[in-house]
PDB file of N, CA and C in Angstrom:
ATOM      1  N   MET A   1      62.137  90.446  64.430  1.00  0.00           N
ATOM      2  CA  MET A   1      62.747  91.685  64.838  1.00  0.00           C
ATOM      3  C   MET A   1      63.605  91.503  66.068  1.00  0.00           C
ATOM      4  N   SER A   2      63.166  90.623  66.952  1.00  0.00           N
ATOM      5  CA  SER A   2      63.878  90.395  68.198  1.00  0.00           C
ATOM      6  C   SER A   2      65.284  89.856  67.931  1.00  0.00           C
ATOM      7  N   ALA A   3      65.401  88.943  66.969  1.00  0.00           N
ATOM      8  CA  ALA A   3      66.707  88.378  66.626  1.00  0.00           C
ATOM      9  C   ALA A   3      67.600  89.455  66.013  1.00  0.00           C
ATOM     10  N   ALA A   4      67.029  90.302  65.185  1.00  0.00           N
ATOM     11  CA  ALA A   4      67.805  91.391  64.570  1.00  0.00           C
ATOM     12  C   ALA A   4      68.251  92.393  65.625  1.00  0.00           C
ATOM     13  N   ALA A   5      67.380  92.658  66.582  1.00  0.00           N
ATOM     14  CA  ALA A   5      67.732  93.604  67.642  1.00  0.00           C
ATOM     15  C   ALA A   5      68.846  93.049  68.517  1.00  0.00           C
ATOM     16  N   SER A   6      68.774  91.728  68.817  1.00  0.00           N
ATOM     17  CA  SER A   6      69.833  91.146  69.649  1.00  0.00           C
ATOM     18  C   SER A   6      71.144  91.077  68.868  1.00  0.00           C
ATOM     19  N   ALA A   7      71.079  90.800  67.553  1.00  0.00           N
ATOM     20  CA  ALA A   7      72.287  90.776  66.722  1.00  0.00           C
ATOM     21  C   ALA A   7      72.906  92.166  66.671  1.00  0.00           C
ATOM     22  N   GLU A   8      72.059  93.177  66.584  1.00  0.00           N
ATOM     23  CA  GLU A   8      72.564  94.553  66.568  1.00  0.00           C
ATOM     24  C   GLU A   8      73.207  94.899  67.907  1.00  0.00           C
ATOM     25  N   GLY A   9      72.615  94.410  69.000  1.00  0.00           N
ATOM     26  CA  GLY A   9      73.177  94.646  70.331  1.00  0.00           C
ATOM     27  C   GLY A   9      74.539  93.984  70.489  1.00  0.00           C
ATOM     28  N   VAL A  10      74.669  92.765  69.958  1.00  0.00           N
ATOM     29  CA  VAL A  10      75.951  92.057  70.015  1.00  0.00           C
ATOM     30  C   VAL A  10      76.979  92.784  69.154  1.00  0.00           C
ATOM     31  N   ASP A  11      76.540  93.244  67.961  1.00  0.00           N
ATOM     32  CA  ASP A  11      77.450  93.999  67.096  1.00  0.00           C
ATOM     33  C   ASP A  11      77.932  95.264  67.791  1.00  0.00           C
ATOM     34  N   MET A  12      77.064  95.917  68.511  1.00  0.00           N
ATOM     35  CA  MET A  12      77.457  97.125  69.252  1.00  0.00           C
ATOM     36  C   MET A  12      78.441  96.771  70.358  1.00  0.00           C
ATOM     37  N   GLN A  13      78.224  95.605  70.989  1.00  0.00           N
ATOM     38  CA  GLN A  13      79.157  95.162  72.027  1.00  0.00           C
ATOM     39  C   GLN A  13      80.524  94.901  71.419  1.00  0.00           C
ATOM     40  N   LEU A  14      80.547  94.231  70.263  1.00  0.00           N
ATOM     41  CA  LEU A  14      81.820  93.974  69.582  1.00  0.00           C
ATOM     42  C   LEU A  14      82.499  95.276  69.180  1.00  0.00           C
ATOM     43  N   LYS A  15      81.715  96.204  68.652  1.00  0.00           N
ATOM     44  CA  LYS A  15      82.268  97.492  68.234  1.00  0.00           C
ATOM     45  C   LYS A  15      82.870  98.219  69.425  1.00  0.00           C
ATOM     46  N   LYS A  16      82.154  98.228  70.547  1.00  0.00           N
ATOM     47  CA  LYS A  16      82.656  98.881  71.750  1.00  0.00           C
ATOM     48  C   LYS A  16      83.913  98.173  72.258  1.00  0.00           C
ATOM     49  N   ALA A  17      83.905  96.825  72.211  1.00  0.00           N
ATOM     50  CA  ALA A  17      85.076  96.066  72.659  1.00  0.00           C
ATOM     51  C   ALA A  17      86.284  96.380  71.782  1.00  0.00           C
ATOM     52  N   PHE A  18      86.070  96.479  70.461  1.00  0.00           N
ATOM     53  CA  PHE A  18      87.164  96.841  69.554  1.00  0.00           C
ATOM     54  C   PHE A  18      87.683  98.241  69.866  1.00  0.00           C
ATOM     55  N   GLN A  19      86.794  99.176  70.111  1.00  0.00           N
ATOM     56  CA  GLN A  19      87.217 100.542  70.442  1.00  0.00           C
ATOM     57  C   GLN A  19      88.001 100.568  71.746  1.00  0.00           C
ATOM     58  N   ASP A  20      87.510  99.835  72.756  1.00  0.00           N
ATOM     59  CA  ASP A  20      88.219  99.778  74.037  1.00  0.00           C
ATOM     60  C   ASP A  20      89.598  99.161  73.865  1.00  0.00           C
ATOM     61  N   LEU A  21      89.675  98.100  73.066  1.00  0.00           N
ATOM     62  CA  LEU A  21      90.961  97.457  72.822  1.00  0.00           C
ATOM     63  C   LEU A  21      91.912  98.402  72.095  1.00  0.00           C
ATOM     64  N   GLN A  22      91.396  99.144  71.141  1.00  0.00           N
ATOM     65  CA  GLN A  22      92.233 100.089  70.410  1.00  0.00           C
ATOM     66  C   GLN A  22      92.780 101.164  71.337  1.00  0.00           C
ATOM     67  N   VAL A  23      91.930 101.701  72.200  1.00  0.00           N
ATOM     68  CA  VAL A  23      92.376 102.714  73.160  1.00  0.00           C
ATOM     69  C   VAL A  23      93.415 102.118  74.094  1.00  0.00           C
ATOM     70  N   GLN A  24      93.161 100.892  74.567  1.00  0.00           N
ATOM     71  CA  GLN A  24      94.103 100.232  75.475  1.00  0.00           C
ATOM     72  C   GLN A  24      95.440  99.985  74.780  1.00  0.00           C
ATOM     73  N   MET A  25      95.403  99.591  73.513  1.00  0.00           N
ATOM     74  CA  MET A  25      96.642  99.341  72.773  1.00  0.00           C
ATOM     75  C   MET A  25      97.447 100.624  72.608  1.00  0.00           C
ATOM     76  N   ILE A  26      96.778 101.720  72.299  1.00  0.00           N
ATOM     77  CA  ILE A  26      97.471 102.999  72.135  1.00  0.00           C
ATOM     78  C   ILE A  26      98.123 103.415  73.440  1.00  0.00           C
ATOM     79  N   GLU A  27      97.372 103.309  74.543  1.00  0.00           N
ATOM     80  CA  GLU A  27      97.929 103.678  75.847  1.00  0.00           C
ATOM     81  C   GLU A  27      99.090 102.778  76.226  1.00  0.00           C
ATOM     82  N   THR A  28      98.957 101.490  75.958  1.00  0.00           N
ATOM     83  CA  THR A  28     100.020 100.545  76.292  1.00  0.00           C
ATOM     84  C   THR A  28     101.271 100.831  75.480  1.00  0.00           C
ATOM     85  N   LYS A  29     101.107 101.112  74.194  1.00  0.00           N
ATOM     86  CA  LYS A  29     102.265 101.421  73.354  1.00  0.00           C
ATOM     87  C   LYS A  29     102.965 102.687  73.835  1.00  0.00           C
ATOM     88  N   GLN A  30     102.195 103.685  74.262  1.00  0.00           N
ATOM     89  CA  GLN A  30     102.802 104.907  74.790  1.00  0.00           C
ATOM     90  C   GLN A  30     103.573 104.614  76.066  1.00  0.00           C
ATOM     91  N   ARG A  31     102.989 103.798  76.937  1.00  0.00           N
ATOM     92  CA  ARG A  31     103.678 103.446  78.184  1.00  0.00           C
ATOM     93  C   ARG A  31     104.940 102.654  77.900  1.00  0.00           C
ATOM     94  N   LEU A  32     104.880 101.752  76.928  1.00  0.00           N
ATOM     95  CA  LEU A  32     106.066 100.973  76.573  1.00  0.00           C
ATOM     96  C   LEU A  32     107.170 101.875  76.025  1.00  0.00           C
ATOM     97  N   ARG A  33     106.796 102.819  75.160  1.00  0.00           N
ATOM     98  CA  ARG A  33     107.784 103.758  74.626  1.00  0.00           C
ATOM     99  C   ARG A  33     108.407 104.597  75.734  1.00  0.00           C
ATOM    100  N   GLN A  34     107.551 105.071  76.638  1.00  0.00           N
ATOM    101  CA  GLN A  34     108.048 105.873  77.754  1.00  0.00           C
ATOM    102  C   GLN A  34     108.986 105.037  78.625  1.00  0.00           C
ATOM    103  N   GLY A  35     108.635 103.783  78.859  1.00  0.00           N
ATOM    104  CA  GLY A  35     109.504 102.895  79.630  1.00  0.00           C
ATOM    105  C   GLY A  35     110.838 102.679  78.950  1.00  0.00           C
ATOM    106  N   GLU A  36     110.816 102.537  77.631  1.00  0.00           N
ATOM    107  CA  GLU A  36     112.063 102.359  76.885  1.00  0.00           C
ATOM    108  C   GLU A  36     112.944 103.602  76.994  1.00  0.00           C
ATOM    109  N   LEU A  37     112.331 104.770  76.904  1.00  0.00           N
ATOM    110  CA  LEU A  37     113.107 106.010  77.032  1.00  0.00           C
ATOM    111  C   LEU A  37     113.746 106.132  78.415  1.00  0.00           C
ATOM    112  N   ILE A  38     112.969 105.818  79.439  1.00  0.00           N
ATOM    113  CA  ILE A  38     113.505 105.887  80.799  1.00  0.00           C
ATOM    114  C   ILE A  38     114.602 104.852  80.976  1.00  0.00           C
ATOM    115  N   SER A  39     114.393 103.663  80.443  1.00  0.00           N
ATOM    116  CA  SER A  39     115.395 102.603  80.538  1.00  0.00           C
ATOM    117  C   SER A  39     116.687 103.016  79.832  1.00  0.00           C
ATOM    118  N   ASP A  40     116.562 103.615  78.657  1.00  0.00           N
ATOM    119  CA  ASP A  40     117.749 104.088  77.933  1.00  0.00           C
ATOM    120  C   ASP A  40     118.486 105.164  78.728  1.00  0.00           C
ATOM    121  N   ALA A  41     117.731 106.056  79.362  1.00  0.00           N
ATOM    122  CA  ALA A  41     118.355 107.101  80.182  1.00  0.00           C
ATOM    123  C   ALA A  41     119.094 106.488  81.371  1.00  0.00           C
ATOM    124  N   GLN A  42     118.507 105.452  81.965  1.00  0.00           N
ATOM    125  CA  GLN A  42     119.155 104.794  83.100  1.00  0.00           C
ATOM    126  C   GLN A  42     120.424 104.062  82.650  1.00  0.00           C
ATOM    127  N   LYS A  43     120.370 103.442  81.478  1.00  0.00           N
ATOM    128  CA  LYS A  43     121.562 102.767  80.946  1.00  0.00           C
ATOM    129  C   LYS A  43     122.663 103.777  80.685  1.00  0.00           C
ATOM    130  N   SER A  44     122.301 104.933  80.170  1.00  0.00           N
ATOM    131  CA  SER A  44     123.278 105.995  79.950  1.00  0.00           C
ATOM    132  C   SER A  44     123.879 106.450  81.271  1.00  0.00           C
ATOM    133  N   GLN A  45     123.049 106.574  82.287  1.00  0.00           N
ATOM    134  CA  GLN A  45     123.527 106.981  83.604  1.00  0.00           C
ATOM    135  C   GLN A  45     124.485 105.931  84.177  1.00  0.00           C
ATOM    136  N   ILE A  46     124.210 104.672  83.932  1.00  0.00           N
ATOM    137  CA  ILE A  46     125.109 103.606  84.389  1.00  0.00           C
ATOM    138  C   ILE A  46     126.457 103.726  83.704  1.00  0.00           C
ATOM    139  N   ARG A  47     126.448 103.975  82.386  1.00  0.00           N
ATOM    140  CA  ARG A  47     127.723 104.111  81.651  1.00  0.00           C
ATOM    141  C   ARG A  47     128.536 105.285  82.189  1.00  0.00           C
ATOM    142  N   VAL A  48     127.866 106.400  82.443  1.00  0.00           N
ATOM    143  CA  VAL A  48     128.569 107.576  82.975  1.00  0.00           C
ATOM    144  C   VAL A  48     129.155 107.262  84.352  1.00  0.00           C
ATOM    145  N   ALA A  49     128.380 106.581  85.186  1.00  0.00           N
ATOM    146  CA  ALA A  49     128.856 106.235  86.529  1.00  0.00           C
ATOM    147  C   ALA A  49     130.039 105.269  86.458  1.00  0.00           C
ATOM    148  N   GLU A  50     129.991 104.319  85.521  1.00  0.00           N
ATOM    149  CA  GLU A  50     131.114 103.384  85.368  1.00  0.00           C
ATOM    150  C   GLU A  50     132.388 104.113  84.944  1.00  0.00           C
ATOM    151  N   ILE A  51     132.271 105.005  83.990  1.00  0.00           N
ATOM    152  CA  ILE A  51     133.440 105.759  83.524  1.00  0.00           C
ATOM    153  C   ILE A  51     133.985 106.637  84.643  1.00  0.00           C
ATOM    154  N   THR A  52     133.085 107.297  85.359  1.00  0.00           N
ATOM    155  CA  THR A  52     133.499 108.146  86.476  1.00  0.00           C
ATOM    156  C   THR A  52     134.196 107.312  87.539  1.00  0.00           C
ATOM    157  N   LYS A  53     133.646 106.144  87.825  1.00  0.00           N
ATOM    158  CA  LYS A  53     134.251 105.259  88.827  1.00  0.00           C
ATOM    159  C   LYS A  53     135.651 104.835  88.397  1.00  0.00           C
ATOM    160  N   GLN A  54     135.816 104.487  87.126  1.00  0.00           N
ATOM    161  CA  GLN A  54     137.138 104.091  86.631  1.00  0.00           C
ATOM    162  C   GLN A  54     138.146 105.231  86.798  1.00  0.00           C
ATOM    163  N   GLU A  55     137.716 106.434  86.483  1.00  0.00           N
ATOM    164  CA  GLU A  55     138.604 107.584  86.625  1.00  0.00           C
ATOM    165  C   GLU A  55     138.944 107.845  88.092  1.00  0.00           C
ATOM    166  N   LEU A  56     137.952 107.687  88.963  1.00  0.00           N
ATOM    167  CA  LEU A  56     138.191 107.889  90.394  1.00  0.00           C
ATOM    168  C   LEU A  56     139.165 106.855  90.944  1.00  0.00           C
ATOM    169  N   LEU A  57     139.050 105.625  90.472  1.00  0.00           N
ATOM    170  CA  LEU A  57     139.944 104.567  90.947  1.00  0.00           C
ATOM    171  C   LEU A  57     141.381 104.782  90.504  1.00  0.00           C
ATOM    172  N   SER A  58     141.572 105.558  89.442  1.00  0.00           N
ATOM    173  CA  SER A  58     142.936 105.819  88.977  1.00  0.00           C
ATOM    174  C   SER A  58     143.615 106.931  89.784  1.00  0.00           C
ATOM    175  N   LEU A  59     142.838 107.645  90.605  1.00  0.00           N
ATOM    176  CA  LEU A  59     143.391 108.726  91.425  1.00  0.00           C
ATOM    177  C   LEU A  59     144.014 108.173  92.700  1.00  0.00           C
ATOM    178  N   PRO A  60     145.041 108.871  93.229  1.00  0.00           N
ATOM    179  CA  PRO A  60     145.575 108.482  94.530  1.00  0.00           C
ATOM    180  C   PRO A  60     144.516 108.705  95.613  1.00  0.00           C
ATOM    181  N   GLU A  61     144.574 107.915  96.669  1.00  0.00           N
ATOM    182  CA  GLU A  61     143.573 107.967  97.738  1.00  0.00           C
ATOM    183  C   GLU A  61     143.541 109.323  98.427  1.00  0.00           C
ATOM    184  N   THR A  62     144.624 110.055  98.407  1.00  0.00           N
ATOM    185  CA  THR A  62     144.686 111.352  99.098  1.00  0.00           C
ATOM    186  C   THR A  62     144.107 112.500  98.283  1.00  0.00           C
ATOM    187  N   THR A  63     143.732 112.232  97.048  1.00  0.00           N
ATOM    188  CA  THR A  63     143.185 113.280  96.190  1.00  0.00           C
ATOM    189  C   THR A  63     141.787 113.660  96.666  1.00  0.00           C
ATOM    190  N   PRO A  64     141.550 114.939  96.897  1.00  0.00           N
ATOM    191  CA  PRO A  64     140.194 115.329  97.293  1.00  0.00           C
ATOM    192  C   PRO A  64     139.269 115.329  96.065  1.00  0.00           C
ATOM    193  N   THR A  65     138.060 114.863  96.267  1.00  0.00           N
ATOM    194  CA  THR A  65     137.050 114.919  95.211  1.00  0.00           C
ATOM    195  C   THR A  65     135.863 115.711  95.757  1.00  0.00           C
ATOM    196  N   TYR A  66     135.034 116.175  94.862  1.00  0.00           N
ATOM    197  CA  TYR A  66     133.915 117.021  95.267  1.00  0.00           C
ATOM    198  C   TYR A  66     132.624 116.507  94.639  1.00  0.00           C
ATOM    199  N   GLN A  67     131.571 116.574  95.427  1.00  0.00           N
ATOM    200  CA  GLN A  67     130.251 116.151  94.958  1.00  0.00           C
ATOM    201  C   GLN A  67     129.334 117.364  94.957  1.00  0.00           C
ATOM    202  N   ALA A  68     128.623 117.560  93.844  1.00  0.00           N
ATOM    203  CA  ALA A  68     127.701 118.687  93.745  1.00  0.00           C
ATOM    204  C   ALA A  68     126.460 118.405  94.577  1.00  0.00           C
ATOM    205  N   VAL A  69     126.125 119.365  95.436  1.00  0.00           N
ATOM    206  CA  VAL A  69     124.915 119.291  96.250  1.00  0.00           C
ATOM    207  C   VAL A  69     124.216 120.634  96.083  1.00  0.00           C
ATOM    208  N   GLY A  70     123.192 120.628  95.236  1.00  0.00           N
ATOM    209  CA  GLY A  70     122.518 121.893  94.954  1.00  0.00           C
ATOM    210  C   GLY A  70     123.465 122.851  94.257  1.00  0.00           C
ATOM    211  N   ARG A  71     123.691 124.013  94.881  1.00  0.00           N
ATOM    212  CA  ARG A  71     124.568 125.026  94.287  1.00  0.00           C
ATOM    213  C   ARG A  71     125.938 125.045  94.931  1.00  0.00           C
ATOM    214  N   MET A  72     126.235 124.032  95.724  1.00  0.00           N
ATOM    215  CA  MET A  72     127.546 123.985  96.372  1.00  0.00           C
ATOM    216  C   MET A  72     128.189 122.625  96.138  1.00  0.00           C
ATOM    217  N   PHE A  73     129.445 122.513  96.537  1.00  0.00           N
ATOM    218  CA  PHE A  73     130.186 121.274  96.394  1.00  0.00           C
ATOM    219  C   PHE A  73     130.659 120.824  97.767  1.00  0.00           C
ATOM    220  N   VAL A  74     130.548 119.506  97.989  1.00  0.00           N
ATOM    221  CA  VAL A  74     130.968 118.920  99.252  1.00  0.00           C
ATOM    222  C   VAL A  74     132.219 118.090  98.985  1.00  0.00           C
ATOM    223  N   ARG A  75     133.225 118.287  99.824  1.00  0.00           N
ATOM    224  CA  ARG A  75     134.478 117.544  99.669  1.00  0.00           C
ATOM    225  C   ARG A  75     134.270 116.113 100.149  1.00  0.00           C
ATOM    226  N   ARG A  76     134.742 115.167  99.342  1.00  0.00           N
ATOM    227  CA  ARG A  76     134.623 113.739  99.646  1.00  0.00           C
ATOM    228  C   ARG A  76     135.960 113.059  99.388  1.00  0.00           C
ATOM    229  N   SER A  77     136.132 111.923 100.032  1.00  0.00           N
ATOM    230  CA  SER A  77     137.317 111.113  99.735  1.00  0.00           C
ATOM    231  C   SER A  77     137.047 110.325  98.453  1.00  0.00           C
ATOM    232  N   VAL A  78     138.088 109.781  97.882  1.00  0.00           N
ATOM    233  CA  VAL A  78     137.946 108.979  96.670  1.00  0.00           C
ATOM    234  C   VAL A  78     137.063 107.769  96.956  1.00  0.00           C
ATOM    235  N   THR A  79     137.241 107.158  98.112  1.00  0.00           N
ATOM    236  CA  THR A  79     136.439 105.987  98.478  1.00  0.00           C
ATOM    237  C   THR A  79     134.961 106.330  98.556  1.00  0.00           C
ATOM    238  N   GLU A  80     134.623 107.457  99.151  1.00  0.00           N
ATOM    239  CA  GLU A  80     133.227 107.884  99.244  1.00  0.00           C
ATOM    240  C   GLU A  80     132.640 108.163  97.859  1.00  0.00           C
ATOM    241  N   SER A  81     133.456 108.759  97.003  1.00  0.00           N
ATOM    242  CA  SER A  81     132.984 109.053  95.641  1.00  0.00           C
ATOM    243  C   SER A  81     132.752 107.777  94.843  1.00  0.00           C
ATOM    244  N   VAL A  82     133.646 106.800  95.025  1.00  0.00           N
ATOM    245  CA  VAL A  82     133.484 105.523  94.331  1.00  0.00           C
ATOM    246  C   VAL A  82     132.218 104.821  94.814  1.00  0.00           C
ATOM    247  N   SER A  83     131.986 104.828  96.137  1.00  0.00           N
ATOM    248  CA  SER A  83     130.778 104.176  96.655  1.00  0.00           C
ATOM    249  C   SER A  83     129.515 104.908  96.184  1.00  0.00           C
ATOM    250  N   ALA A  84     129.591 106.234  96.027  1.00  0.00           N
ATOM    251  CA  ALA A  84     128.453 106.991  95.501  1.00  0.00           C
ATOM    252  C   ALA A  84     128.148 106.580  94.062  1.00  0.00           C
ATOM    253  N   GLN A  85     129.188 106.342  93.276  1.00  0.00           N
ATOM    254  CA  GLN A  85     128.991 105.891  91.891  1.00  0.00           C
ATOM    255  C   GLN A  85     128.394 104.484  91.873  1.00  0.00           C
ATOM    256  N   ASP A  86     128.864 103.623  92.777  1.00  0.00           N
ATOM    257  CA  ASP A  86     128.293 102.274  92.875  1.00  0.00           C
ATOM    258  C   ASP A  86     126.806 102.344  93.210  1.00  0.00           C
ATOM    259  N   LYS A  87     126.466 103.244  94.111  1.00  0.00           N
ATOM    260  CA  LYS A  87     125.066 103.392  94.505  1.00  0.00           C
ATOM    261  C   LYS A  87     124.226 103.889  93.333  1.00  0.00           C
ATOM    262  N   ARG A  88     124.751 104.854  92.576  1.00  0.00           N
ATOM    263  CA  ARG A  88     124.038 105.355  91.402  1.00  0.00           C
ATOM    264  C   ARG A  88     123.776 104.233  90.402  1.00  0.00           C
ATOM    265  N   MET A  89     124.793 103.380  90.210  1.00  0.00           N
ATOM    266  CA  MET A  89     124.631 102.275  89.262  1.00  0.00           C
ATOM    267  C   MET A  89     123.587 101.272  89.752  1.00  0.00           C
ATOM    268  N   SER A  90     123.608 100.953  91.053  1.00  0.00           N
ATOM    269  CA  SER A  90     122.650  99.974  91.558  1.00  0.00           C
ATOM    270  C   SER A  90     121.221 100.515  91.512  1.00  0.00           C
ATOM    271  N   VAL A  91     121.038 101.796  91.821  1.00  0.00           N
ATOM    272  CA  VAL A  91     119.703 102.401  91.743  1.00  0.00           C
ATOM    273  C   VAL A  91     119.197 102.373  90.303  1.00  0.00           C
ATOM    274  N   ALA A  92     120.062 102.686  89.359  1.00  0.00           N
ATOM    275  CA  ALA A  92     119.662 102.682  87.947  1.00  0.00           C
ATOM    276  C   ALA A  92     119.318 101.270  87.493  1.00  0.00           C
ATOM    277  N   GLN A  93     120.082 100.273  87.944  1.00  0.00           N
ATOM    278  CA  GLN A  93     119.791  98.886  87.564  1.00  0.00           C
ATOM    279  C   GLN A  93     118.461  98.426  88.157  1.00  0.00           C
ATOM    280  N   GLU A  94     118.154  98.861  89.366  1.00  0.00           N
ATOM    281  CA  GLU A  94     116.865  98.519  89.973  1.00  0.00           C
ATOM    282  C   GLU A  94     115.714  99.139  89.181  1.00  0.00           C
ATOM    283  N   LYS A  95     115.896 100.388  88.740  1.00  0.00           N
ATOM    284  CA  LYS A  95     114.852 101.040  87.944  1.00  0.00           C
ATOM    285  C   LYS A  95     114.642 100.313  86.629  1.00  0.00           C
ATOM    286  N   ILE A  96     115.726  99.882  86.003  1.00  0.00           N
ATOM    287  CA  ILE A  96     115.629  99.146  84.740  1.00  0.00           C
ATOM    288  C   ILE A  96     114.880  97.838  84.957  1.00  0.00           C
ATOM    289  N   ALA A  97     115.192  97.135  86.041  1.00  0.00           N
ATOM    290  CA  ALA A  97     114.496  95.873  86.343  1.00  0.00           C
ATOM    291  C   ALA A  97     113.009  96.120  86.587  1.00  0.00           C
ATOM    292  N   SER A  98     112.690  97.196  87.288  1.00  0.00           N
ATOM    293  CA  SER A  98     111.296  97.541  87.549  1.00  0.00           C
ATOM    294  C   SER A  98     110.554  97.850  86.252  1.00  0.00           C
ATOM    295  N   ILE A  99     111.193  98.591  85.380  1.00  0.00           N
ATOM    296  CA  ILE A  99     110.593  98.922  84.084  1.00  0.00           C
ATOM    297  C   ILE A  99     110.362  97.654  83.269  1.00  0.00           C
ATOM    298  N   GLN A 100     111.302  96.724  83.317  1.00  0.00           N
ATOM    299  CA  GLN A 100     111.162  95.472  82.570  1.00  0.00           C
ATOM    300  C   GLN A 100     109.977  94.661  83.092  1.00  0.00           C
ATOM    301  N   LYS A 101     109.810  94.613  84.415  1.00  0.00           N
ATOM    302  CA  LYS A 101     108.671  93.886  84.986  1.00  0.00           C
ATOM    303  C   LYS A 101     107.354  94.539  84.557  1.00  0.00           C
ATOM    304  N   HIS A 102     107.331  95.862  84.582  1.00  0.00           N
ATOM    305  CA  HIS A 102     106.122  96.583  84.176  1.00  0.00           C
ATOM    306  C   HIS A 102     105.831  96.336  82.698  1.00  0.00           C
ATOM    307  N   ARG A 103     106.870  96.292  81.897  1.00  0.00           N
ATOM    308  CA  ARG A 103     106.716  96.019  80.464  1.00  0.00           C
ATOM    309  C   ARG A 103     106.100  94.642  80.246  1.00  0.00           C
ATOM    310  N   GLU A 104     106.599  93.643  80.978  1.00  0.00           N
ATOM    311  CA  GLU A 104     106.060  92.289  80.848  1.00  0.00           C
ATOM    312  C   GLU A 104     104.584  92.252  81.258  1.00  0.00           C
ATOM    313  N   TYR A 105     104.257  92.981  82.324  1.00  0.00           N
ATOM    314  CA  TYR A 105     102.864  93.042  82.777  1.00  0.00           C
ATOM    315  C   TYR A 105     101.972  93.666  81.702  1.00  0.00           C
ATOM    316  N   LEU A 106     102.429  94.766  81.101  1.00  0.00           N
ATOM    317  CA  LEU A 106     101.638  95.430  80.072  1.00  0.00           C
ATOM    318  C   LEU A 106     101.432  94.526  78.859  1.00  0.00           C
ATOM    319  N   GLU A 107     102.489  93.837  78.450  1.00  0.00           N
ATOM    320  CA  GLU A 107     102.374  92.948  77.297  1.00  0.00           C
ATOM    321  C   GLU A 107     101.413  91.792  77.600  1.00  0.00           C
ATOM    322  N   LYS A 108     101.475  91.258  78.821  1.00  0.00           N
ATOM    323  CA  LYS A 108     100.576  90.164  79.210  1.00  0.00           C
ATOM    324  C   LYS A 108      99.130  90.643  79.234  1.00  0.00           C
ATOM    325  N   SER A 109      98.886  91.819  79.774  1.00  0.00           N
ATOM    326  CA  SER A 109      97.511  92.325  79.828  1.00  0.00           C
ATOM    327  C   SER A 109      96.977  92.597  78.419  1.00  0.00           C
ATOM    328  N   MET A 110      97.835  93.040  77.510  1.00  0.00           N
ATOM    329  CA  MET A 110      97.406  93.251  76.122  1.00  0.00           C
ATOM    330  C   MET A 110      97.011  91.925  75.477  1.00  0.00           C
ATOM    331  N   LYS A 111      97.817  90.892  75.693  1.00  0.00           N
ATOM    332  CA  LYS A 111      97.499  89.590  75.110  1.00  0.00           C
ATOM    333  C   LYS A 111      96.192  89.048  75.681  1.00  0.00           C
ATOM    334  N   ASP A 112      95.975  89.257  76.974  1.00  0.00           N
ATOM    335  CA  ASP A 112      94.727  88.813  77.592  1.00  0.00           C
ATOM    336  C   ASP A 112      93.528  89.537  76.979  1.00  0.00           C
ATOM    337  N   ALA A 113      93.663  90.836  76.796  1.00  0.00           N
ATOM    338  CA  ALA A 113      92.569  91.617  76.215  1.00  0.00           C
ATOM    339  C   ALA A 113      92.287  91.167  74.784  1.00  0.00           C
ATOM    340  N   GLU A 114      93.343  90.918  74.016  1.00  0.00           N
ATOM    341  CA  GLU A 114      93.154  90.443  72.649  1.00  0.00           C
ATOM    342  C   GLU A 114      92.495  89.073  72.630  1.00  0.00           C
ATOM    343  N   GLY A 115      92.900  88.205  73.566  1.00  0.00           N
ATOM    344  CA  GLY A 115      92.288  86.872  73.667  1.00  0.00           C
ATOM    345  C   GLY A 115      90.819  86.953  74.013  1.00  0.00           C
ATOM    346  N   ASN A 116      90.470  87.834  74.932  1.00  0.00           N
ATOM    347  CA  ASN A 116      89.061  88.015  75.293  1.00  0.00           C
ATOM    348  C   ASN A 116      88.250  88.500  74.092  1.00  0.00           C
ATOM    349  N   LEU A 117      88.823  89.403  73.315  1.00  0.00           N
ATOM    350  CA  LEU A 117      88.132  89.913  72.138  1.00  0.00           C
ATOM    351  C   LEU A 117      87.964  88.814  71.090  1.00  0.00           C
ATOM    352  N   ARG A 118      88.989  87.997  70.913  1.00  0.00           N
ATOM    353  CA  ARG A 118      88.880  86.879  69.971  1.00  0.00           C
ATOM    354  C   ARG A 118      87.766  85.922  70.395  1.00  0.00           C
ATOM    355  N   ASP A 119      87.736  85.643  71.701  1.00  0.00           N
ATOM    356  CA  ASP A 119      86.670  84.757  72.203  1.00  0.00           C
ATOM    357  C   ASP A 119      85.305  85.349  71.920  1.00  0.00           C
ATOM    358  N   MET A 120      85.169  86.646  72.102  1.00  0.00           N
ATOM    359  CA  MET A 120      83.888  87.316  71.857  1.00  0.00           C
ATOM    360  C   MET A 120      83.502  87.210  70.385  1.00  0.00           C
ATOM    361  N   VAL A 121      84.471  87.396  69.495  1.00  0.00           N
ATOM    362  CA  VAL A 121      84.196  87.310  68.058  1.00  0.00           C
ATOM    363  C   VAL A 121      83.831  85.877  67.688  1.00  0.00           C
ATOM    364  N   GLN A 122      84.557  84.902  68.224  1.00  0.00           N
ATOM    365  CA  GLN A 122      84.261  83.499  67.907  1.00  0.00           C
ATOM    366  C   GLN A 122      82.893  83.090  68.427  1.00  0.00           C
ATOM    367  N   SER A 123      82.519  83.564  69.612  1.00  0.00           N
ATOM    368  CA  SER A 123      81.186  83.232  70.127  1.00  0.00           C
ATOM    369  C   SER A 123      80.104  83.890  69.251  1.00  0.00           C
ATOM    370  N   ARG A 124      80.405  85.062  68.712  1.00  0.00           N
ATOM    371  CA  ARG A 124      79.459  85.753  67.821  1.00  0.00           C
ATOM    372  C   ARG A 124      79.301  84.962  66.518  1.00  0.00           C
ATOM    373  N   GLN A 125      80.428  84.441  65.993  1.00  0.00           N
ATOM    374  CA  GLN A 125      80.366  83.698  64.748  1.00  0.00           C
ATOM    375  C   GLN A 125      79.685  82.353  64.933  1.00  0.00           C
ATOM    376  N   ALA A 126      79.778  81.798  66.134  1.00  0.00           N
ATOM    377  CA  ALA A 126      79.155  80.490  66.397  1.00  0.00           C
ATOM    378  C   ALA A 126      77.636  80.604  66.420  1.00  0.00           C
ATOM    379  N   ARG A 127      77.116  81.774  66.715  1.00  0.00           N
ATOM    380  CA  ARG A 127      75.660  81.961  66.790  1.00  0.00           C
ATOM    381  C   ARG A 127      75.039  82.008  65.462  1.00  0.00           C
TER     382      ARG A 127
END
């Protein structure tokens, strides 16, 4: 009976480990999808900033430009507007890089969890 009880305990451990892995995989996939959506939004923002910058560069330097601040507009020079677009692009690129690093971390942790589960199953089969 003792051997059967310990085998049942190991089976319960495996079952719990599988359930934990499944929950972790679902959460990781959701985080990856969310990261992809944010990354796509940032890429779109970069494209808009690039197009805006190109249009601003085609304007004469004396042309007044305006930046929306809340419910009002602030007058800016073309140079200031171009630098604001550059800043928007660099911030978006930093966010994309951060998301990519987080994605790599999530994928690595998933592989580690799967490896641990495989080891647990193999040790169970060896007994």
